[in-house]
Protein backbone atom coordinates (compact mmCIF):
# COMPACT_ATOMS: atom_id res chain seq x y z
CA PRO A 1 -35.05 91.08 25.07
CA ALA A 2 -33.24 92.16 28.95
CA GLU A 3 -30.10 93.55 28.72
CA ASP A 4 -28.52 91.04 30.75
CA ARG A 5 -29.32 87.83 28.97
CA LYS A 6 -26.31 87.04 26.75
CA SER A 7 -27.11 85.91 23.15
CA LEU A 8 -25.05 82.57 22.36
CA LEU A 9 -22.77 81.20 19.51
CA CYS A 10 -23.35 77.38 19.01
CA ALA A 11 -22.07 75.45 16.11
CA TYR A 12 -22.64 71.92 15.13
CA LEU A 13 -19.11 70.02 14.12
CA PRO A 14 -19.14 66.58 12.54
CA TYR A 15 -16.70 64.56 14.34
CA SER A 16 -14.77 63.58 11.36
CA SER A 17 -14.10 67.20 10.38
CA PHE A 18 -12.10 67.60 13.45
CA THR A 19 -8.88 68.90 13.24
CA ASP A 20 -6.26 69.58 16.18
CA VAL A 21 -5.68 72.90 14.45
CA MET A 22 -9.06 73.78 16.01
CA LEU A 23 -7.90 73.76 19.32
CA THR A 24 -5.73 76.60 18.74
CA ASP A 25 -7.08 78.70 15.84
CA GLY A 26 -9.68 80.23 17.52
CA SER A 27 -12.02 77.94 16.09
CA LEU A 28 -13.80 76.87 19.38
CA GLU A 29 -12.58 79.81 21.46
CA ALA A 30 -15.50 82.16 19.81
CA LEU A 31 -18.18 79.32 20.92
CA ASP A 32 -20.23 79.04 23.82
CA GLU A 33 -21.81 75.66 23.06
CA LEU A 34 -20.43 72.80 20.35
CA THR A 35 -22.51 70.04 19.22
CA VAL A 36 -20.46 67.15 17.79
CA ASN A 37 -22.69 64.95 15.28
CA ILE A 38 -22.48 62.25 13.12
CA GLY A 39 -20.97 59.79 15.30
CA CYS A 40 -23.06 58.01 17.84
CA TYR A 41 -26.16 56.27 16.85
CA TRP A 42 -28.57 54.13 18.58
CA THR A 43 -29.89 50.64 17.77
CA ALA A 44 -33.06 49.06 17.76
CA GLU A 45 -32.29 47.39 20.99
CA GLY A 46 -31.57 51.13 22.89
CA SER A 47 -27.76 50.51 22.67
CA LEU A 48 -25.43 52.91 21.25
CA ASP A 49 -22.89 52.27 18.27
CA VAL A 50 -20.20 54.80 18.73
CA LYS A 51 -17.95 55.42 15.62
CA ASN A 52 -14.39 54.58 15.98
CA GLY A 53 -12.60 57.93 16.91
CA LEU A 54 -15.63 59.82 18.12
CA THR A 55 -14.77 59.32 22.10
CA SER A 56 -10.72 60.80 21.19
CA VAL A 57 -12.43 63.66 19.63
CA LEU A 58 -14.57 64.60 22.67
CA SER A 59 -11.82 63.89 24.99
CA GLU A 60 -9.33 66.25 23.15
CA ILE A 61 -11.99 68.81 22.65
CA ARG A 62 -12.96 68.89 26.59
CA THR A 63 -9.38 68.68 28.02
CA ALA A 64 -8.46 71.95 26.00
CA TYR A 65 -11.94 73.45 26.65
CA PRO A 66 -13.16 72.24 30.09
CA GLU A 67 -15.54 75.25 30.23
CA LEU A 68 -16.93 74.56 26.78
CA LYS A 69 -20.57 73.50 26.87
CA LEU A 70 -20.04 70.15 24.92
CA ILE A 71 -23.24 68.18 23.43
CA CYS A 72 -23.24 65.03 21.23
CA THR A 73 -25.69 64.16 18.62
CA ILE A 74 -26.94 60.42 19.30
CA ASN A 75 -29.39 59.78 16.46
CA PRO A 76 -31.26 56.22 15.57
CA LYS A 77 -29.79 53.53 13.13
CA ALA A 78 -31.80 52.31 10.36
CA GLY A 79 -34.40 50.54 12.19
CA GLY A 80 -33.62 52.00 15.64
CA ALA A 81 -37.27 53.68 15.63
CA ALA A 82 -38.40 49.94 17.37
CA ALA A 83 -36.25 51.21 20.71
CA ILE A 84 -38.40 54.17 21.23
CA MET A 85 -41.92 51.99 20.80
CA SER A 86 -42.26 50.55 24.54
CA VAL A 87 -41.77 52.51 27.77
CA GLU A 88 -39.12 49.53 28.51
CA LYS A 89 -36.70 50.39 25.70
CA ARG A 90 -36.99 53.86 25.79
CA ASP A 91 -35.85 53.14 29.50
CA ILE A 92 -32.66 51.45 28.49
CA LEU A 93 -31.82 53.75 25.69
CA ILE A 94 -32.26 56.94 27.80
CA GLN A 95 -30.08 54.91 30.62
CA ASN A 96 -27.34 54.20 27.73
CA MET A 97 -27.61 57.94 26.76
CA LEU A 98 -26.91 59.30 30.00
CA THR A 99 -23.99 56.76 30.75
CA PHE A 100 -22.26 57.60 27.56
CA CYS A 101 -22.70 61.63 28.52
CA ARG A 102 -21.14 60.90 32.11
CA GLU A 103 -18.35 58.91 30.77
CA ASN A 104 -17.54 61.37 28.02
CA LYS A 105 -18.22 64.58 30.43
CA LEU A 106 -20.93 65.74 28.04
CA ASN A 107 -23.15 68.48 29.08
CA GLY A 108 -26.23 67.09 27.24
CA VAL A 109 -27.97 65.22 24.33
CA ASP A 110 -28.83 66.42 20.78
CA ILE A 111 -31.11 64.50 18.57
CA ASP A 112 -31.07 65.32 14.56
CA TRP A 113 -33.56 62.91 13.58
CA GLU A 114 -34.35 63.50 9.75
CA PHE A 115 -37.31 62.47 9.90
CA PRO A 116 -39.53 60.27 12.08
CA ALA A 117 -42.34 58.76 9.97
CA GLU A 118 -45.85 59.92 10.80
CA ASP A 119 -46.71 57.06 12.89
CA GLN A 120 -43.64 57.82 14.80
CA TRP A 121 -43.94 61.16 16.16
CA ASP A 122 -45.89 60.17 18.97
CA GLU A 123 -43.25 57.84 20.73
CA PHE A 124 -40.47 60.56 19.34
CA ASN A 125 -42.57 63.17 21.83
CA ASP A 126 -42.37 60.24 24.36
CA LEU A 127 -38.93 59.96 23.99
CA LEU A 128 -37.75 63.86 24.32
CA SER A 129 -40.27 64.36 27.27
CA GLU A 130 -38.63 61.01 28.94
CA LEU A 131 -35.22 62.18 28.26
CA GLY A 132 -35.60 65.67 29.04
CA HIS A 133 -36.44 65.04 32.61
CA GLU A 134 -33.71 62.26 33.03
CA LEU A 135 -31.01 64.49 31.71
CA ASP A 136 -32.69 67.60 33.87
CA ASP A 137 -32.30 65.56 36.85
CA ALA A 138 -28.59 64.62 35.66
CA GLY A 139 -27.71 68.70 35.16
CA MET A 140 -27.53 68.16 31.58
CA SER A 141 -29.62 69.60 28.69
CA LEU A 142 -31.71 68.24 26.06
CA SER A 143 -31.38 69.75 22.09
CA ALA A 144 -33.49 68.65 18.76
CA ALA A 145 -32.65 69.82 15.51
CA PHE A 146 -35.88 70.61 13.11
CA TYR A 147 -36.56 72.38 9.61
CA PRO A 148 -39.60 74.82 10.11
CA ASN A 149 -42.86 73.22 9.88
CA GLN A 150 -41.55 69.80 10.03
CA ALA A 151 -41.64 69.53 13.82
CA GLU A 152 -44.76 68.01 14.98
CA LEU A 153 -44.19 68.12 18.53
CA ASP A 154 -46.47 68.10 21.51
CA SER A 155 -46.86 70.03 24.59
CA ASN A 156 -44.72 67.76 27.16
CA ALA A 157 -41.85 67.57 24.31
CA LEU A 158 -41.76 71.34 24.10
CA LEU A 159 -41.28 71.78 27.81
CA ALA A 160 -38.45 69.09 27.68
CA LEU A 161 -36.28 70.54 25.15
CA ASP A 162 -33.77 73.10 26.28
CA THR A 163 -32.86 73.98 22.83
CA ILE A 164 -34.90 73.66 19.58
CA ASN A 165 -31.98 74.34 16.84
CA ILE A 166 -33.84 75.74 13.75
CA MET A 167 -32.59 74.41 10.61
CA ALA A 168 -33.22 77.58 8.51
CA TYR A 169 -30.97 76.43 5.47
CA ASP A 170 -31.48 74.31 2.61
CA GLN A 171 -35.00 75.78 1.71
CA PHE A 172 -34.94 77.77 -1.57
CA ASP A 173 -36.77 80.77 -2.56
CA GLU A 174 -38.30 81.83 -5.99
CA ASN A 175 -34.91 82.88 -6.76
CA GLY A 176 -33.18 79.51 -5.79
CA PHE A 177 -31.74 81.43 -2.96
CA HIS A 178 -31.52 79.18 0.03
CA SER A 179 -31.15 80.78 3.81
CA THR A 180 -32.21 83.90 2.98
CA TYR A 181 -32.85 86.70 5.85
CA LEU A 182 -36.61 86.03 4.84
CA THR A 183 -36.02 82.48 5.60
CA ALA A 184 -34.81 83.13 9.21
CA GLU A 185 -37.78 85.40 9.98
CA GLU A 186 -40.16 82.99 8.59
CA ALA A 187 -38.07 79.86 10.44
CA ILE A 188 -38.59 81.66 13.64
CA ASP A 189 -42.49 82.82 13.42
CA ALA A 190 -42.67 78.86 12.65
CA PHE A 191 -41.58 77.94 15.66
CA LEU A 192 -42.82 80.41 17.97
CA ASP A 193 -46.59 79.41 16.48
CA LEU A 194 -45.89 75.90 17.12
CA GLY A 195 -46.11 76.93 20.77
CA ALA A 196 -41.89 76.91 21.81
CA GLU A 197 -40.49 80.17 23.60
CA PRO A 198 -38.23 82.23 22.25
CA GLN A 199 -35.44 81.20 24.52
CA GLN A 200 -35.72 77.68 23.33
CA LEU A 201 -34.91 78.98 19.98
CA CYS A 202 -31.20 78.79 18.34
CA LEU A 203 -31.21 80.08 14.63
CA GLY A 204 -29.09 78.14 11.88
CA ILE A 205 -26.87 79.91 9.67
CA PRO A 206 -25.15 77.79 6.87
CA ALA A 207 -21.47 78.01 6.64
CA TYR A 208 -21.88 76.74 2.95
CA GLY A 209 -23.45 77.74 -0.17
CA ARG A 210 -25.86 76.10 -2.33
CA PRO A 211 -26.74 76.02 -6.21
CA VAL A 212 -29.47 78.40 -7.16
CA THR A 213 -30.56 75.33 -9.34
CA GLU A 214 -31.07 73.33 -5.93
CA GLU A 215 -28.97 70.78 -7.66
CA ALA A 216 -26.97 68.13 -4.55
CA ALA A 217 -23.99 70.47 -3.96
CA TRP A 218 -22.30 72.15 -0.67
CA PRO A 219 -19.54 74.32 -1.43
CA PHE A 220 -17.86 75.48 1.75
CA TYR A 221 -18.15 79.01 2.68
CA ARG A 222 -14.19 78.77 3.72
CA ASP A 223 -13.25 77.87 -0.05
CA TYR A 224 -14.37 81.01 -1.32
CA ALA A 225 -14.75 83.43 1.42
CA ALA A 226 -12.33 85.91 -0.13
CA ALA A 227 -14.66 86.39 -3.43
CA ILE A 228 -17.79 86.59 -1.06
CA GLU A 229 -16.48 89.40 0.64
CA GLU A 230 -15.91 91.08 -2.66
CA ASN A 231 -19.10 90.00 -4.88
CA GLY A 232 -21.60 89.07 -1.72
CA ASP A 233 -23.86 86.70 -1.18
CA LEU A 234 -24.36 84.99 -4.88
CA LEU A 235 -21.24 83.60 -6.35
CA ASN A 236 -20.74 81.49 -9.45
CA GLY A 237 -24.44 80.19 -9.40
CA SER A 238 -24.53 79.57 -5.44
CA TYR A 239 -25.82 81.67 -2.73
CA PHE A 240 -23.81 81.54 0.65
CA ASN A 241 -24.22 83.55 3.66
CA SER A 242 -21.87 86.06 3.75
CA PRO A 243 -20.61 87.68 7.01
CA GLN A 244 -22.52 90.87 6.60
CA LEU A 245 -25.59 88.53 6.42
CA ALA A 246 -24.81 86.16 9.28
CA GLN A 247 -24.50 89.40 11.30
CA ASP A 248 -27.78 90.38 10.30
CA LYS A 249 -29.32 87.16 11.53
CA ALA A 250 -27.51 87.37 14.72
CA VAL A 251 -28.94 90.85 15.53
CA LEU A 252 -32.65 89.24 14.44
CA ALA A 253 -31.97 86.51 16.72
CA ARG A 254 -31.00 89.05 19.36
CA GLN A 255 -33.89 91.11 18.54
CA GLU A 256 -36.24 88.37 18.80
CA GLY A 257 -35.02 86.99 21.92
CA LEU A 258 -33.63 83.75 20.92
CA ARG A 259 -31.31 81.69 22.90
CA GLY A 260 -28.61 82.66 20.05
CA VAL A 261 -27.76 81.23 17.01
CA PHE A 262 -25.53 78.16 15.47
CA LEU A 263 -23.42 77.34 12.36
CA TYR A 264 -23.77 74.50 10.55
CA HIS A 265 -21.01 73.20 10.37
CA LEU A 266 -17.64 74.82 11.64
CA GLY A 267 -15.70 72.90 9.61
CA CYS A 268 -16.95 74.67 6.54
CA ASP A 269 -15.66 77.66 7.95
CA LEU A 270 -12.51 79.91 8.33
CA PRO A 271 -10.74 79.36 11.58
CA GLY A 272 -12.04 81.54 14.06
CA ASN A 273 -8.60 83.90 13.95
CA ASP A 274 -9.46 85.00 10.38
CA ASP A 275 -11.10 88.18 10.44
CA ARG A 276 -13.23 86.79 7.70
CA SER A 277 -14.52 83.68 9.36
CA LEU A 278 -18.24 83.43 10.20
CA SER A 279 -17.88 82.96 13.64
CA ALA A 280 -15.71 85.71 14.54
CA SER A 281 -18.19 87.95 12.51
CA ILE A 282 -21.06 86.66 14.61
CA LYS A 283 -19.26 86.89 17.85
CA GLU A 284 -18.36 90.34 17.55
CA THR A 285 -21.79 91.28 16.64
CA LEU A 286 -23.10 89.69 19.53
CA LYS A 287 -20.68 91.39 21.68
């Protein structure tokens, strides 16, 4: 990659996981971009259902970090897919998204729809294409999160996306390990094969572990950081991404010319002023 191209450190943060201490403990200071999620949804009519407290969180972050690129995820509610099935309803939805961004001083919209039905992908691609153009005209960006080999993006949607956040986690190998280095390599290749440009891609790194039994449990990295530092990625039957593995993935992203990496999610990590935090480790590597 060009030497002057900066590799970005990004993160997702559920709005309900935000605490005021994050404004002062270095958690946000290390970031180039923050996506606040799980607080805003679109309805079948194209209106937005905004959860109580979300706008306050966005306002606090924007006030404390006016230069931070701040994005909000907007996902469909149950039945919300109806809003993308016609040009008229999509336009209503897009205009509501733009208004929401302007009112909250956001830099863009993220969509993390898990998952469109097989017969909804054509309209979803249309939404991405139309929304991307509108956001671009307004000086804002569009990102979307996908698992590898799950995205059925057409060429227009690909062109409209500024960022594709690769969810390279919650996928298990033959040992029951999730989000390994090999997972990251394969995930990047899958999106390049789809036709995405490297500079569109942001590689996901989990700040949580998964049991090797693949059961539904997500222990937070922050609660086991000291033991992980001593014992490595595998701890008590769960596989984590240690600071070393996170750094290795950041180097991989840099070598592949990607836009950067992101943590999911920031609330699972240690504070940014802790040397063992994943965000601090990645930031130092990217420097």
